[in-house]
C-alpha cells in the first residue's frame, strides 16, 4: 500500500492508469506540471545524450480540458482531507484550469493563485514580456496543512532577516550551466519545489507528481524528508528521474 511506502518510487505510464491503484486519501500533496498545450513539441538537450522531447498539443482547449479533468478527479480522490494540489500552468490555460479546479475541488477550496516570477526569457515589441508561470493551489478539505514559508527580506530595515513569502515567488529559472540541469524540457528549479513541498506537505508525508519529468519534485521531497512517488508516460523522463534519484538508495520501480 502506497500509504505505508517507505521507499521512493517512479513509475512509467499514464497517470490516469496509475493513479487508480493508489489508496483513496493517501497523499498529502500532489504537485503537477502537465503539458501546457503550447501547440508544439517540447525539446531539451541532455549533456552527452542528445535530445529529450514530448508532444504538447491538442486540437483545441476543450480537448485539453477533457484530458485534464479525469486526472484531476483522480488526484482529488487520492488526497487526504488535509491534502492539497498545486497545479503548475501558464497563460495559455490557467484561466480554464482554475474553473476546472473550481468544479472538481469546489470554488471554496481555492487557496492561492501563486505567481512564479522567473525573470529569464525573451521580450516582444507587441506585448509586455511574459516572465512568470501560474501555480493554482487548492485544498482537498477545510483544514489543509500549510506551514508558511519564509524568504529573505529585501527591505533595508529587515536586512539579514526573513519574512513570510507572498503569492509571488521570485526564484530564478535554471541557467544553462547549473549543476542541477538535466536537459529535460521544462525542468523547474529545485529551490521552487523545495519551498512548495515544505509549505504544503507535512514531514514524512507523501508527495505525488503525476507528470514528474526530470524528477525535480521527487528530489525536493526526498531532500526535505517527505516520501516521493513520480509518474510519467515518457520513457526519457523516467530514465532521467531514475538516474537522478538512484543515489538516495531507496528508489523503487
C-alpha atoms as a PDB file:
ATOM      1  CA  UNK A   1       0.000   0.000   0.000  1.00  0.00           C
ATOM      2  CA  UNK A   2       1.438   3.340  -1.013  1.00  0.00           C
ATOM      3  CA  UNK A   3       0.154   4.845   2.225  1.00  0.00           C
ATOM      4  CA  UNK A   4       2.905   2.888   4.001  1.00  0.00           C
ATOM      5  CA  UNK A   5       5.527   3.312   1.309  1.00  0.00           C
ATOM      6  CA  UNK A   6       8.953   3.781   2.865  1.00  0.00           C
ATOM      7  CA  UNK A   7      10.998   3.886  -0.357  1.00  0.00           C
ATOM      8  CA  UNK A   8      10.638   6.450  -3.102  1.00  0.00           C
ATOM      9  CA  UNK A   9       9.251   5.323  -6.429  1.00  0.00           C
ATOM     10  CA  UNK A  10       8.978   6.325 -10.074  1.00  0.00           C
ATOM     11  CA  UNK A  11       6.598   4.595 -12.466  1.00  0.00           C
ATOM     12  CA  UNK A  12       6.311   4.581 -16.249  1.00  0.00           C
ATOM     13  CA  UNK A  13       2.815   5.128 -17.596  1.00  0.00           C
ATOM     14  CA  UNK A  14      -0.132   7.445 -17.991  1.00  0.00           C
ATOM     15  CA  UNK A  15      -1.088   8.793 -14.576  1.00  0.00           C
ATOM     16  CA  UNK A  16      -4.745   8.206 -15.464  1.00  0.00           C
ATOM     17  CA  UNK A  17      -3.955   4.481 -15.471  1.00  0.00           C
ATOM     18  CA  UNK A  18      -1.595   4.549 -12.468  1.00  0.00           C
ATOM     19  CA  UNK A  19      -3.480   6.802 -10.037  1.00  0.00           C
ATOM     20  CA  UNK A  20      -6.430   4.376  -9.571  1.00  0.00           C
ATOM     21  CA  UNK A  21      -4.020   1.929  -7.886  1.00  0.00           C
ATOM     22  CA  UNK A  22      -3.316   4.442  -5.106  1.00  0.00           C
ATOM     23  CA  UNK A  23      -5.429   4.242  -1.954  1.00  0.00           C
ATOM     24  CA  UNK A  24      -8.110   6.869  -1.510  1.00  0.00           C
ATOM     25  CA  UNK A  25      -6.978   9.604   0.857  1.00  0.00           C
ATOM     26  CA  UNK A  26      -3.316   8.564   0.980  1.00  0.00           C
ATOM     27  CA  UNK A  27      -1.461  11.566  -0.492  1.00  0.00           C
ATOM     28  CA  UNK A  28      -0.583  14.743   1.361  1.00  0.00           C
ATOM     29  CA  UNK A  29       0.393  16.807  -1.664  1.00  0.00           C
ATOM     30  CA  UNK A  30       0.040  16.428  -5.411  1.00  0.00           C
ATOM     31  CA  UNK A  31       2.141  18.798  -7.474  1.00  0.00           C
ATOM     32  CA  UNK A  32       1.767  18.550 -11.218  1.00  0.00           C
ATOM     33  CA  UNK A  33       3.411  20.370 -14.089  1.00  0.00           C
ATOM     34  CA  UNK A  34       1.480  18.880 -17.023  1.00  0.00           C
ATOM     35  CA  UNK A  35       1.826  19.796 -20.696  1.00  0.00           C
ATOM     36  CA  UNK A  36       0.669  23.369 -21.320  1.00  0.00           C
ATOM     37  CA  UNK A  37      -0.934  22.843 -24.743  1.00  0.00           C
ATOM     38  CA  UNK A  38       1.682  25.029 -26.422  1.00  0.00           C
ATOM     39  CA  UNK A  39       0.856  23.535 -29.833  1.00  0.00           C
ATOM     40  CA  UNK A  40       4.393  22.288 -30.389  1.00  0.00           C
ATOM     41  CA  UNK A  41       6.874  19.610 -29.403  1.00  0.00           C
ATOM     42  CA  UNK A  42       8.973  20.381 -26.322  1.00  0.00           C
ATOM     43  CA  UNK A  43      12.633  19.536 -26.842  1.00  0.00           C
ATOM     44  CA  UNK A  44      15.537  19.626 -24.414  1.00  0.00           C
ATOM     45  CA  UNK A  45      19.152  18.538 -24.649  1.00  0.00           C
ATOM     46  CA  UNK A  46      20.923  16.306 -22.151  1.00  0.00           C
ATOM     47  CA  UNK A  47      24.663  16.593 -21.780  1.00  0.00           C
ATOM     48  CA  UNK A  48      26.197  13.892 -23.968  1.00  0.00           C
ATOM     49  CA  UNK A  49      22.889  12.083 -24.578  1.00  0.00           C
ATOM     50  CA  UNK A  50      21.068  14.016 -27.282  1.00  0.00           C
ATOM     51  CA  UNK A  51      17.527  15.360 -27.125  1.00  0.00           C
ATOM     52  CA  UNK A  52      14.659  14.601 -24.749  1.00  0.00           C
ATOM     53  CA  UNK A  53      11.232  15.523 -26.095  1.00  0.00           C
ATOM     54  CA  UNK A  54       7.500  15.182 -25.723  1.00  0.00           C
ATOM     55  CA  UNK A  55       4.476  16.401 -27.731  1.00  0.00           C
ATOM     56  CA  UNK A  56       2.476  19.273 -26.236  1.00  0.00           C
ATOM     57  CA  UNK A  57      -0.515  19.823 -28.490  1.00  0.00           C
ATOM     58  CA  UNK A  58      -4.260  19.194 -28.503  1.00  0.00           C
ATOM     59  CA  UNK A  59      -6.786  20.099 -31.228  1.00  0.00           C
ATOM     60  CA  UNK A  60      -8.311  22.818 -29.040  1.00  0.00           C
ATOM     61  CA  UNK A  61      -8.717  23.852 -25.404  1.00  0.00           C
ATOM     62  CA  UNK A  62     -11.813  21.661 -24.983  1.00  0.00           C
ATOM     63  CA  UNK A  63      -9.781  18.589 -25.888  1.00  0.00           C
ATOM     64  CA  UNK A  64      -7.061  19.666 -23.472  1.00  0.00           C
ATOM     65  CA  UNK A  65      -9.532  20.131 -20.619  1.00  0.00           C
ATOM     66  CA  UNK A  66     -11.097  16.759 -21.442  1.00  0.00           C
ATOM     67  CA  UNK A  67      -7.608  15.303 -20.967  1.00  0.00           C
ATOM     68  CA  UNK A  68      -7.103  17.103 -17.660  1.00  0.00           C
ATOM     69  CA  UNK A  69     -10.500  16.540 -15.995  1.00  0.00           C
ATOM     70  CA  UNK A  70     -10.298  12.771 -15.263  1.00  0.00           C
ATOM     71  CA  UNK A  71      -6.745  13.160 -14.000  1.00  0.00           C
ATOM     72  CA  UNK A  72      -7.762  15.952 -11.639  1.00  0.00           C
ATOM     73  CA  UNK A  73     -10.676  13.831 -10.435  1.00  0.00           C
ATOM     74  CA  UNK A  74      -8.270  11.011  -9.586  1.00  0.00           C
ATOM     75  CA  UNK A  75      -5.972  13.466  -7.807  1.00  0.00           C
ATOM     76  CA  UNK A  76      -8.923  14.714  -5.755  1.00  0.00           C
ATOM     77  CA  UNK A  77      -9.665  11.119  -4.748  1.00  0.00           C
ATOM     78  CA  UNK A  78      -6.136  10.219  -3.628  1.00  0.00           C
ATOM     79  CA  UNK A  79      -5.613  13.334  -1.480  1.00  0.00           C
ATOM     80  CA  UNK A  80      -6.101  13.239   2.277  1.00  0.00           C
ATOM     81  CA  UNK A  81      -8.664  15.577   3.811  1.00  0.00           C
ATOM     82  CA  UNK A  82      -5.700  17.750   4.866  1.00  0.00           C
ATOM     83  CA  UNK A  83      -4.022  17.451   1.463  1.00  0.00           C
ATOM     84  CA  UNK A  84      -3.552  19.949  -1.337  1.00  0.00           C
ATOM     85  CA  UNK A  85      -2.957  20.201  -5.059  1.00  0.00           C
ATOM     86  CA  UNK A  86      -0.512  22.578  -6.745  1.00  0.00           C
ATOM     87  CA  UNK A  87      -1.185  22.784 -10.482  1.00  0.00           C
ATOM     88  CA  UNK A  88       1.607  24.468 -12.450  1.00  0.00           C
ATOM     89  CA  UNK A  89       0.482  26.082 -15.708  1.00  0.00           C
ATOM     90  CA  UNK A  90       0.884  29.272 -17.747  1.00  0.00           C
ATOM     91  CA  UNK A  91      -1.100  31.996 -19.501  1.00  0.00           C
ATOM     92  CA  UNK A  92      -2.449  29.668 -22.176  1.00  0.00           C
ATOM     93  CA  UNK A  93      -4.731  27.644 -19.893  1.00  0.00           C
ATOM     94  CA  UNK A  94      -4.536  28.961 -16.314  1.00  0.00           C
ATOM     95  CA  UNK A  95      -7.958  30.613 -16.501  1.00  0.00           C
ATOM     96  CA  UNK A  96      -9.546  27.461 -17.924  1.00  0.00           C
ATOM     97  CA  UNK A  97      -7.849  25.212 -15.371  1.00  0.00           C
ATOM     98  CA  UNK A  98      -8.928  27.392 -12.459  1.00  0.00           C
ATOM     99  CA  UNK A  99     -12.567  26.962 -13.477  1.00  0.00           C
ATOM    100  CA  UNK A 100     -11.988  23.225 -13.856  1.00  0.00           C
ATOM    101  CA  UNK A 101     -10.453  23.048 -10.371  1.00  0.00           C
ATOM    102  CA  UNK A 102     -13.425  25.011  -9.022  1.00  0.00           C
ATOM    103  CA  UNK A 103     -15.637  22.294 -10.463  1.00  0.00           C
ATOM    104  CA  UNK A 104     -13.606  19.293  -9.250  1.00  0.00           C
ATOM    105  CA  UNK A 105     -12.475  20.599  -5.836  1.00  0.00           C
ATOM    106  CA  UNK A 106     -15.090  23.282  -5.199  1.00  0.00           C
ATOM    107  CA  UNK A 107     -14.595  27.024  -5.504  1.00  0.00           C
ATOM    108  CA  UNK A 108     -14.458  27.268  -1.709  1.00  0.00           C
ATOM    109  CA  UNK A 109     -11.334  25.084  -1.723  1.00  0.00           C
ATOM    110  CA  UNK A 110      -9.299  27.653  -3.641  1.00  0.00           C
ATOM    111  CA  UNK A 111      -6.335  28.805  -1.535  1.00  0.00           C
ATOM    112  CA  UNK A 112      -3.951  30.818  -3.731  1.00  0.00           C
ATOM    113  CA  UNK A 113      -3.109  31.762  -7.265  1.00  0.00           C
ATOM    114  CA  UNK A 114       0.683  31.732  -6.988  1.00  0.00           C
ATOM    115  CA  UNK A 115       2.942  33.500  -9.446  1.00  0.00           C
ATOM    116  CA  UNK A 116       6.382  32.048 -10.108  1.00  0.00           C
ATOM    117  CA  UNK A 117       8.421  35.009 -11.361  1.00  0.00           C
ATOM    118  CA  UNK A 118      11.496  33.566 -13.048  1.00  0.00           C
ATOM    119  CA  UNK A 119      12.935  36.583 -14.854  1.00  0.00           C
ATOM    120  CA  UNK A 120      14.595  34.923 -17.831  1.00  0.00           C
ATOM    121  CA  UNK A 121      13.179  34.640 -21.333  1.00  0.00           C
ATOM    122  CA  UNK A 122      12.560  36.741 -24.418  1.00  0.00           C
ATOM    123  CA  UNK A 123      10.736  40.008 -24.989  1.00  0.00           C
ATOM    124  CA  UNK A 124       8.338  41.306 -27.612  1.00  0.00           C
ATOM    125  CA  UNK A 125       7.668  44.655 -29.305  1.00  0.00           C
ATOM    126  CA  UNK A 126       3.937  43.835 -29.252  1.00  0.00           C
ATOM    127  CA  UNK A 127       3.268  42.990 -25.592  1.00  0.00           C
ATOM    128  CA  UNK A 128       4.694  43.019 -22.067  1.00  0.00           C
ATOM    129  CA  UNK A 129       7.361  40.332 -21.682  1.00  0.00           C
ATOM    130  CA  UNK A 130       5.993  37.103 -20.236  1.00  0.00           C
ATOM    131  CA  UNK A 131       8.186  36.303 -17.259  1.00  0.00           C
ATOM    132  CA  UNK A 132       6.040  34.155 -14.974  1.00  0.00           C
ATOM    133  CA  UNK A 133       4.113  30.896 -14.619  1.00  0.00           C
ATOM    134  CA  UNK A 134       0.991  30.280 -12.566  1.00  0.00           C
ATOM    135  CA  UNK A 135       0.565  27.725  -9.772  1.00  0.00           C
ATOM    136  CA  UNK A 136      -3.027  27.072  -8.686  1.00  0.00           C
ATOM    137  CA  UNK A 137      -3.281  25.993  -5.043  1.00  0.00           C
ATOM    138  CA  UNK A 138      -6.438  24.167  -3.925  1.00  0.00           C
ATOM    139  CA  UNK A 139      -7.150  22.245  -0.726  1.00  0.00           C
ATOM    140  CA  UNK A 140      -8.916  18.885  -0.503  1.00  0.00           C
ATOM    141  CA  UNK A 141     -10.707  19.781   2.752  1.00  0.00           C
ATOM    142  CA  UNK A 142     -11.424  22.680   5.056  1.00  0.00           C
ATOM    143  CA  UNK A 143      -8.309  22.176   7.225  1.00  0.00           C
ATOM    144  CA  UNK A 144      -5.393  21.741   4.855  1.00  0.00           C
ATOM    145  CA  UNK A 145      -1.797  21.528   6.023  1.00  0.00           C
ATOM    146  CA  UNK A 146       0.230  24.692   5.492  1.00  0.00           C
ATOM    147  CA  UNK A 147       3.467  25.931   7.025  1.00  0.00           C
ATOM    148  CA  UNK A 148       4.128  29.490   5.808  1.00  0.00           C
ATOM    149  CA  UNK A 149       7.494  29.522   4.034  1.00  0.00           C
ATOM    150  CA  UNK A 150       9.988  32.235   4.788  1.00  0.00           C
ATOM    151  CA  UNK A 151      12.172  34.029   2.266  1.00  0.00           C
ATOM    152  CA  UNK A 152      14.964  36.603   2.661  1.00  0.00           C
ATOM    153  CA  UNK A 153      13.665  40.072   3.466  1.00  0.00           C
ATOM    154  CA  UNK A 154      14.540  42.744   0.916  1.00  0.00           C
ATOM    155  CA  UNK A 155      13.962  45.960   2.845  1.00  0.00           C
ATOM    156  CA  UNK A 156      16.821  47.826   4.491  1.00  0.00           C
ATOM    157  CA  UNK A 157      15.017  47.708   7.827  1.00  0.00           C
ATOM    158  CA  UNK A 158      14.890  43.898   7.791  1.00  0.00           C
ATOM    159  CA  UNK A 159      18.245  43.299   6.144  1.00  0.00           C
ATOM    160  CA  UNK A 160      19.616  39.879   7.076  1.00  0.00           C
ATOM    161  CA  UNK A 161      16.242  38.662   8.338  1.00  0.00           C
ATOM    162  CA  UNK A 162      13.473  36.625   6.735  1.00  0.00           C
ATOM    163  CA  UNK A 163       9.802  37.265   6.110  1.00  0.00           C
ATOM    164  CA  UNK A 164       6.772  35.185   5.160  1.00  0.00           C
ATOM    165  CA  UNK A 165       6.600  34.507   1.439  1.00  0.00           C
ATOM    166  CA  UNK A 166       3.906  36.223  -0.602  1.00  0.00           C
ATOM    167  CA  UNK A 167       1.948  34.760  -3.506  1.00  0.00           C
ATOM    168  CA  UNK A 168       4.683  35.987  -5.864  1.00  0.00           C
ATOM    169  CA  UNK A 169       7.671  33.642  -5.726  1.00  0.00           C
ATOM    170  CA  UNK A 170      10.765  35.271  -7.217  1.00  0.00           C
ATOM    171  CA  UNK A 171      13.025  32.283  -7.841  1.00  0.00           C
ATOM    172  CA  UNK A 172      15.369  32.243 -10.855  1.00  0.00           C
ATOM    173  CA  UNK A 173      14.876  29.599 -13.509  1.00  0.00           C
ATOM    174  CA  UNK A 174      17.697  27.152 -14.172  1.00  0.00           C
ATOM    175  CA  UNK A 175      20.552  28.611 -16.187  1.00  0.00           C
ATOM    176  CA  UNK A 176      22.391  26.614 -18.817  1.00  0.00           C
ATOM    177  CA  UNK A 177      25.399  25.943 -16.574  1.00  0.00           C
ATOM    178  CA  UNK A 178      23.550  24.963 -13.378  1.00  0.00           C
ATOM    179  CA  UNK A 179      24.695  21.689 -11.834  1.00  0.00           C
ATOM    180  CA  UNK A 180      21.089  20.551 -11.342  1.00  0.00           C
ATOM    181  CA  UNK A 181      20.238  20.971 -15.013  1.00  0.00           C
ATOM    182  CA  UNK A 182      19.318  17.654 -16.663  1.00  0.00           C
ATOM    183  CA  UNK A 183      18.464  18.975 -20.118  1.00  0.00           C
ATOM    184  CA  UNK A 184      14.880  17.781 -19.865  1.00  0.00           C
ATOM    185  CA  UNK A 185      12.485  20.362 -21.368  1.00  0.00           C
ATOM    186  CA  UNK A 186      10.510  22.458 -18.857  1.00  0.00           C
ATOM    187  CA  UNK A 187      12.654  21.355 -15.878  1.00  0.00           C
ATOM    188  CA  UNK A 188      11.851  23.532 -12.836  1.00  0.00           C
ATOM    189  CA  UNK A 189      14.407  24.636 -10.210  1.00  0.00           C
ATOM    190  CA  UNK A 190      14.611  22.509  -7.096  1.00  0.00           C
ATOM    191  CA  UNK A 191      14.523  25.690  -4.972  1.00  0.00           C
ATOM    192  CA  UNK A 192      10.963  26.352  -6.137  1.00  0.00           C
ATOM    193  CA  UNK A 193       9.782  22.817  -5.423  1.00  0.00           C
ATOM    194  CA  UNK A 194      11.557  22.695  -2.078  1.00  0.00           C
ATOM    195  CA  UNK A 195       9.672  25.801  -0.954  1.00  0.00           C
ATOM    196  CA  UNK A 196       6.333  24.418  -2.143  1.00  0.00           C
ATOM    197  CA  UNK A 197       6.826  20.947  -0.676  1.00  0.00           C
ATOM    198  CA  UNK A 198       7.900  22.227   2.732  1.00  0.00           C
ATOM    199  CA  UNK A 199       4.948  24.625   2.820  1.00  0.00           C
ATOM    200  CA  UNK A 200       2.228  22.211   1.697  1.00  0.00           C
ATOM    201  CA  UNK A 201       3.269  18.718   2.838  1.00  0.00           C
ATOM    202  CA  UNK A 202       3.992  17.664   6.435  1.00  0.00           C
ATOM    203  CA  UNK A 203       7.336  15.983   7.211  1.00  0.00           C
ATOM    204  CA  UNK A 204       7.124  12.305   6.358  1.00  0.00           C
ATOM    205  CA  UNK A 205       4.078  12.893   4.142  1.00  0.00           C
ATOM    206  CA  UNK A 206       3.559  11.530   0.648  1.00  0.00           C
ATOM    207  CA  UNK A 207       4.177  13.802  -2.340  1.00  0.00           C
ATOM    208  CA  UNK A 208       2.931  12.639  -5.747  1.00  0.00           C
ATOM    209  CA  UNK A 209       3.934  14.139  -9.085  1.00  0.00           C
ATOM    210  CA  UNK A 210       1.831  12.577 -11.892  1.00  0.00           C
ATOM    211  CA  UNK A 211       3.890  14.306 -14.622  1.00  0.00           C
ATOM    212  CA  UNK A 212       7.267  14.032 -12.913  1.00  0.00           C
ATOM    213  CA  UNK A 213       9.503  14.847 -15.891  1.00  0.00           C
ATOM    214  CA  UNK A 214      13.112  15.069 -14.725  1.00  0.00           C
ATOM    215  CA  UNK A 215      12.141  14.338 -11.106  1.00  0.00           C
ATOM    216  CA  UNK A 216      12.571  17.774  -9.523  1.00  0.00           C
ATOM    217  CA  UNK A 217       9.517  17.392  -7.273  1.00  0.00           C
ATOM    218  CA  UNK A 218      10.729  13.996  -6.133  1.00  0.00           C
ATOM    219  CA  UNK A 219      14.218  15.335  -5.406  1.00  0.00           C
ATOM    220  CA  UNK A 220      12.736  18.170  -3.336  1.00  0.00           C
ATOM    221  CA  UNK A 221      10.513  15.747  -1.431  1.00  0.00           C
ATOM    222  CA  UNK A 222      13.427  13.451  -0.593  1.00  0.00           C
ATOM    223  CA  UNK A 223      15.695  16.344   0.433  1.00  0.00           C
ATOM    224  CA  UNK A 224      13.063  17.645   2.846  1.00  0.00           C
ATOM    225  CA  UNK A 225      12.157  14.322   4.471  1.00  0.00           C
ATOM    226  CA  UNK A 226       8.979  13.514   2.565  1.00  0.00           C
ATOM    227  CA  UNK A 227       8.082  10.380   0.621  1.00  0.00           C
ATOM    228  CA  UNK A 228       8.039  10.655  -3.173  1.00  0.00           C
ATOM    229  CA  UNK A 229       6.038   8.991  -5.927  1.00  0.00           C
ATOM    230  CA  UNK A 230       6.527  10.070  -9.529  1.00  0.00           C
ATOM    231  CA  UNK A 231       4.790   9.031 -12.738  1.00  0.00           C
ATOM    232  CA  UNK A 232       5.448   9.874 -16.359  1.00  0.00           C
ATOM    233  CA  UNK A 233       4.398   8.437 -19.695  1.00  0.00           C
ATOM    234  CA  UNK A 234       7.671   9.498 -21.321  1.00  0.00           C
ATOM    235  CA  UNK A 235      10.489   6.908 -21.120  1.00  0.00           C
ATOM    236  CA  UNK A 236      13.076   9.709 -21.328  1.00  0.00           C
ATOM    237  CA  UNK A 237      11.567  11.321 -18.243  1.00  0.00           C
ATOM    238  CA  UNK A 238      11.550   8.056 -16.312  1.00  0.00           C
ATOM    239  CA  UNK A 239      15.178   7.380 -17.194  1.00  0.00           C
ATOM    240  CA  UNK A 240      16.336  10.865 -16.184  1.00  0.00           C
ATOM    241  CA  UNK A 241      14.325  10.894 -12.959  1.00  0.00           C
ATOM    242  CA  UNK A 242      15.522   7.402 -12.061  1.00  0.00           C
ATOM    243  CA  UNK A 243      19.170   8.297 -12.648  1.00  0.00           C
ATOM    244  CA  UNK A 244      18.727  11.492 -10.655  1.00  0.00           C
ATOM    245  CA  UNK A 245      17.170   9.798  -7.648  1.00  0.00           C
ATOM    246  CA  UNK A 246      19.035   6.486  -7.617  1.00  0.00           C
ATOM    247  CA  UNK A 247      21.688   7.961  -5.333  1.00  0.00           C
ATOM    248  CA  UNK A 248      19.166   8.006  -2.469  1.00  0.00           C
ATOM    249  CA  UNK A 249      19.463   4.235  -2.204  1.00  0.00           C
ATOM    250  CA  UNK A 250      15.699   3.935  -1.661  1.00  0.00           C
ATOM    251  CA  UNK A 251      14.395   4.234  -5.196  1.00  0.00           C
ATOM    252  CA  UNK A 252      11.976   1.566  -6.398  1.00  0.00           C
ATOM    253  CA  UNK A 253      10.381   0.996  -9.812  1.00  0.00           C
END
